[in-house]
Amino acid sequence: MFGFAKLKEHRELVTRMADALSVDLEEAEQRGTLTPEDVDVMVERCVGCLEAEACKCTLAATAPGSATQAPDYCRNKDQFVVLRRN
């Protein structure tokens, strides 16, 4: 199992990536496009990524709403594509 600090760090990365892509995770949950469990799975996928530092650098240089796609290394890239369509 993952420690609380690691889960918190990666939840923040998922949220920041969603913001960069103009994906509102809370709105998606309200619409029923995404469940809280789906978000947990996204966070767990992120925890397993070996590119967290690269992701932090990418997000630091990316304004909210300015990204057109997640980086190729992002384990949630496909999920973000689906969420952007909805």
N, C-alpha and C. Protein backbone atom coordinates (compact mmCIF):
# COMPACT_ATOMS: atom_id res chain seq x y z
N MET A 1 0.84 -1.19 0.00
CA MET A 1 0.00 0.00 0.00
C MET A 1 0.88 1.24 0.00
N PHE A 2 0.33 2.33 -0.43
CA PHE A 2 1.06 3.58 -0.53
C PHE A 2 0.86 4.40 0.73
N GLY A 3 1.87 5.21 1.06
CA GLY A 3 1.75 6.10 2.19
C GLY A 3 0.85 7.27 1.86
N PHE A 4 0.31 7.89 2.90
CA PHE A 4 -0.61 9.02 2.72
C PHE A 4 0.05 10.15 1.94
N ALA A 5 1.31 10.47 2.25
CA ALA A 5 2.00 11.57 1.57
C ALA A 5 2.13 11.31 0.08
N LYS A 6 2.43 10.07 -0.29
CA LYS A 6 2.58 9.72 -1.71
C LYS A 6 1.22 9.82 -2.42
N LEU A 7 0.18 9.32 -1.79
CA LEU A 7 -1.15 9.42 -2.39
C LEU A 7 -1.56 10.88 -2.55
N LYS A 8 -1.29 11.68 -1.54
CA LYS A 8 -1.63 13.10 -1.60
C LYS A 8 -0.88 13.79 -2.74
N GLU A 9 0.41 13.49 -2.86
CA GLU A 9 1.24 14.07 -3.92
C GLU A 9 0.68 13.73 -5.30
N HIS A 10 0.32 12.48 -5.49
CA HIS A 10 -0.14 12.05 -6.81
C HIS A 10 -1.59 12.47 -7.07
N ARG A 11 -2.39 12.60 -6.04
CA ARG A 11 -3.74 13.16 -6.22
C ARG A 11 -3.61 14.60 -6.73
N GLU A 12 -2.64 15.32 -6.17
CA GLU A 12 -2.40 16.70 -6.61
C GLU A 12 -1.93 16.71 -8.07
N LEU A 13 -1.05 15.78 -8.45
CA LEU A 13 -0.60 15.72 -9.84
C LEU A 13 -1.76 15.43 -10.79
N VAL A 14 -2.63 14.51 -10.42
CA VAL A 14 -3.79 14.20 -11.25
C VAL A 14 -4.69 15.43 -11.38
N THR A 15 -4.92 16.10 -10.28
CA THR A 15 -5.76 17.30 -10.29
C THR A 15 -5.13 18.41 -11.13
N ARG A 16 -3.83 18.61 -10.96
CA ARG A 16 -3.14 19.65 -11.74
C ARG A 16 -3.13 19.32 -13.22
N MET A 17 -2.96 18.05 -13.57
CA MET A 17 -3.00 17.66 -14.98
C MET A 17 -4.40 17.89 -15.54
N ALA A 18 -5.40 17.55 -14.77
CA ALA A 18 -6.78 17.79 -15.21
C ALA A 18 -6.99 19.29 -15.44
N ASP A 19 -6.52 20.11 -14.52
CA ASP A 19 -6.65 21.57 -14.68
C ASP A 19 -5.93 22.05 -15.93
N ALA A 20 -4.73 21.53 -16.17
CA ALA A 20 -3.96 21.92 -17.35
C ALA A 20 -4.72 21.58 -18.63
N LEU A 21 -5.50 20.51 -18.58
CA LEU A 21 -6.25 20.03 -19.75
C LEU A 21 -7.68 20.56 -19.80
N SER A 22 -8.03 21.44 -18.87
CA SER A 22 -9.40 21.96 -18.77
C SER A 22 -10.42 20.86 -18.51
N VAL A 23 -10.02 19.90 -17.71
CA VAL A 23 -10.92 18.82 -17.29
C VAL A 23 -11.31 19.08 -15.84
N ASP A 24 -12.60 19.25 -15.60
CA ASP A 24 -13.10 19.49 -14.26
C ASP A 24 -13.54 18.14 -13.68
N LEU A 25 -12.70 17.58 -12.82
CA LEU A 25 -13.00 16.26 -12.26
C LEU A 25 -14.27 16.26 -11.43
N GLU A 26 -14.49 17.31 -10.66
CA GLU A 26 -15.71 17.38 -9.84
C GLU A 26 -16.96 17.46 -10.70
N GLU A 27 -16.90 18.23 -11.76
CA GLU A 27 -18.04 18.32 -12.67
C GLU A 27 -18.30 16.98 -13.34
N ALA A 28 -17.22 16.29 -13.72
CA ALA A 28 -17.37 14.97 -14.34
C ALA A 28 -18.04 14.00 -13.37
N GLU A 29 -17.70 14.11 -12.09
CA GLU A 29 -18.35 13.26 -11.09
C GLU A 29 -19.83 13.62 -10.97
N GLN A 30 -20.14 14.90 -10.97
CA GLN A 30 -21.54 15.33 -10.86
C GLN A 30 -22.37 14.88 -12.05
N ARG A 31 -21.75 14.88 -13.24
CA ARG A 31 -22.46 14.43 -14.45
C ARG A 31 -22.59 12.91 -14.51
N GLY A 32 -21.80 12.21 -13.70
CA GLY A 32 -21.83 10.76 -13.72
C GLY A 32 -20.85 10.16 -14.72
N THR A 33 -20.02 11.01 -15.31
CA THR A 33 -19.01 10.54 -16.26
C THR A 33 -17.87 9.87 -15.53
N LEU A 34 -17.69 10.22 -14.28
CA LEU A 34 -16.58 9.76 -13.46
C LEU A 34 -17.11 9.50 -12.06
N THR A 35 -16.64 8.44 -11.44
CA THR A 35 -17.02 8.17 -10.05
C THR A 35 -15.84 8.50 -9.14
N PRO A 36 -16.07 8.67 -7.86
CA PRO A 36 -14.95 8.87 -6.94
C PRO A 36 -13.95 7.71 -7.02
N GLU A 37 -14.45 6.52 -7.26
CA GLU A 37 -13.58 5.35 -7.38
C GLU A 37 -12.71 5.46 -8.63
N ASP A 38 -13.27 6.02 -9.71
CA ASP A 38 -12.49 6.23 -10.93
C ASP A 38 -11.32 7.18 -10.67
N VAL A 39 -11.58 8.22 -9.89
CA VAL A 39 -10.51 9.17 -9.54
C VAL A 39 -9.45 8.46 -8.71
N ASP A 40 -9.89 7.63 -7.77
CA ASP A 40 -8.92 6.86 -6.97
C ASP A 40 -8.05 5.98 -7.85
N VAL A 41 -8.64 5.36 -8.86
CA VAL A 41 -7.87 4.52 -9.79
C VAL A 41 -6.87 5.38 -10.56
N MET A 42 -7.28 6.57 -10.97
CA MET A 42 -6.37 7.46 -11.67
C MET A 42 -5.17 7.82 -10.78
N VAL A 43 -5.45 8.09 -9.51
CA VAL A 43 -4.39 8.42 -8.57
C VAL A 43 -3.46 7.22 -8.39
N GLU A 44 -4.01 6.03 -8.24
CA GLU A 44 -3.19 4.84 -8.08
C GLU A 44 -2.32 4.59 -9.32
N ARG A 45 -2.89 4.83 -10.51
CA ARG A 45 -2.10 4.71 -11.73
C ARG A 45 -0.94 5.69 -11.70
N CYS A 46 -1.22 6.90 -11.27
CA CYS A 46 -0.21 7.96 -11.20
C CYS A 46 0.90 7.58 -10.21
N VAL A 47 0.53 7.00 -9.09
CA VAL A 47 1.52 6.59 -8.09
C VAL A 47 2.53 5.63 -8.70
N GLY A 48 2.08 4.78 -9.60
CA GLY A 48 2.96 3.80 -10.22
C GLY A 48 3.84 4.36 -11.34
N CYS A 49 3.67 5.62 -11.67
CA CYS A 49 4.43 6.23 -12.77
C CYS A 49 5.86 6.53 -12.32
N LEU A 50 6.80 6.33 -13.22
CA LEU A 50 8.21 6.62 -12.93
C LEU A 50 8.61 8.02 -13.37
N GLU A 51 7.68 8.80 -13.85
CA GLU A 51 7.96 10.13 -14.41
C GLU A 51 7.37 11.26 -13.58
N ALA A 52 7.19 11.06 -12.28
CA ALA A 52 6.56 12.09 -11.44
C ALA A 52 7.33 13.40 -11.47
N GLU A 53 8.65 13.34 -11.45
CA GLU A 53 9.44 14.57 -11.47
C GLU A 53 9.27 15.30 -12.80
N ALA A 54 9.27 14.57 -13.90
CA ALA A 54 9.05 15.18 -15.22
C ALA A 54 7.66 15.80 -15.28
N CYS A 55 6.69 15.13 -14.68
CA CYS A 55 5.32 15.63 -14.65
C CYS A 55 5.26 16.94 -13.88
N LYS A 56 5.92 16.99 -12.73
CA LYS A 56 5.94 18.22 -11.94
C LYS A 56 6.54 19.37 -12.74
N CYS A 57 7.62 19.11 -13.47
CA CYS A 57 8.25 20.14 -14.30
C CYS A 57 7.32 20.59 -15.41
N THR A 58 6.68 19.63 -16.06
CA THR A 58 5.73 19.95 -17.13
C THR A 58 4.60 20.81 -16.60
N LEU A 59 4.05 20.42 -15.47
CA LEU A 59 2.92 21.16 -14.91
C LEU A 59 3.34 22.55 -14.42
N ALA A 60 4.55 22.67 -13.93
CA ALA A 60 5.04 23.98 -13.47
C ALA A 60 5.15 24.96 -14.64
N ALA A 61 5.38 24.43 -15.84
CA ALA A 61 5.53 25.27 -17.02
C ALA A 61 4.25 25.38 -17.85
N THR A 62 3.16 24.82 -17.34
CA THR A 62 1.91 24.78 -18.10
C THR A 62 0.81 25.52 -17.34
N ALA A 63 0.26 26.53 -17.98
CA ALA A 63 -0.84 27.28 -17.37
C ALA A 63 -2.11 26.43 -17.39
N PRO A 64 -2.96 26.59 -16.38
CA PRO A 64 -4.24 25.87 -16.40
C PRO A 64 -5.00 26.15 -17.70
N GLY A 65 -5.51 25.09 -18.27
CA GLY A 65 -6.30 25.20 -19.48
C GLY A 65 -5.51 25.33 -20.76
N SER A 66 -4.19 25.30 -20.67
CA SER A 66 -3.39 25.53 -21.87
C SER A 66 -2.86 24.26 -22.54
N ALA A 67 -2.99 23.13 -21.90
CA ALA A 67 -2.49 21.88 -22.49
C ALA A 67 -3.54 21.29 -23.42
N THR A 68 -3.08 20.68 -24.49
CA THR A 68 -4.00 20.03 -25.43
C THR A 68 -4.06 18.52 -25.22
N GLN A 69 -3.01 17.98 -24.59
CA GLN A 69 -3.01 16.55 -24.26
C GLN A 69 -2.02 16.30 -23.12
N ALA A 70 -2.23 15.20 -22.43
CA ALA A 70 -1.30 14.80 -21.38
C ALA A 70 -0.02 14.29 -22.05
N PRO A 71 1.10 14.36 -21.35
CA PRO A 71 2.35 13.83 -21.92
C PRO A 71 2.21 12.34 -22.24
N ASP A 72 3.00 11.89 -23.18
CA ASP A 72 2.94 10.48 -23.60
C ASP A 72 3.18 9.52 -22.44
N TYR A 73 4.00 9.92 -21.47
CA TYR A 73 4.30 9.03 -20.34
C TYR A 73 3.16 8.95 -19.32
N CYS A 74 2.19 9.83 -19.42
CA CYS A 74 1.10 9.87 -18.43
C CYS A 74 0.27 8.60 -18.48
N ARG A 75 0.17 7.94 -17.37
CA ARG A 75 -0.60 6.69 -17.29
C ARG A 75 -2.11 6.93 -17.36
N ASN A 76 -2.52 8.19 -17.24
CA ASN A 76 -3.94 8.55 -17.32
C ASN A 76 -4.28 9.26 -18.62
N LYS A 77 -3.36 9.25 -19.56
CA LYS A 77 -3.56 9.98 -20.81
C LYS A 77 -4.87 9.58 -21.50
N ASP A 78 -5.14 8.30 -21.62
CA ASP A 78 -6.37 7.84 -22.29
C ASP A 78 -7.61 8.29 -21.53
N GLN A 79 -7.56 8.24 -20.22
CA GLN A 79 -8.70 8.68 -19.40
C GLN A 79 -8.96 10.17 -19.61
N PHE A 80 -7.88 10.96 -19.67
CA PHE A 80 -8.05 12.39 -19.90
C PHE A 80 -8.63 12.67 -21.29
N VAL A 81 -8.25 11.88 -22.28
CA VAL A 81 -8.81 12.04 -23.63
C VAL A 81 -10.32 11.84 -23.56
N VAL A 82 -10.76 10.80 -22.90
CA VAL A 82 -12.20 10.52 -22.77
C VAL A 82 -12.90 11.65 -22.02
N LEU A 83 -12.30 12.11 -20.93
CA LEU A 83 -12.92 13.17 -20.14
C LEU A 83 -13.00 14.49 -20.92
N ARG A 84 -12.03 14.77 -21.74
CA ARG A 84 -12.05 15.99 -22.54
C ARG A 84 -13.17 15.95 -23.57
N ARG A 85 -13.52 14.78 -24.06
CA ARG A 85 -14.59 14.64 -25.04
C ARG A 85 -15.96 14.87 -24.43
N ASN A 86 -16.07 14.57 -23.14
CA ASN A 86 -17.38 14.67 -22.48
C ASN A 86 -17.53 16.03 -21.93
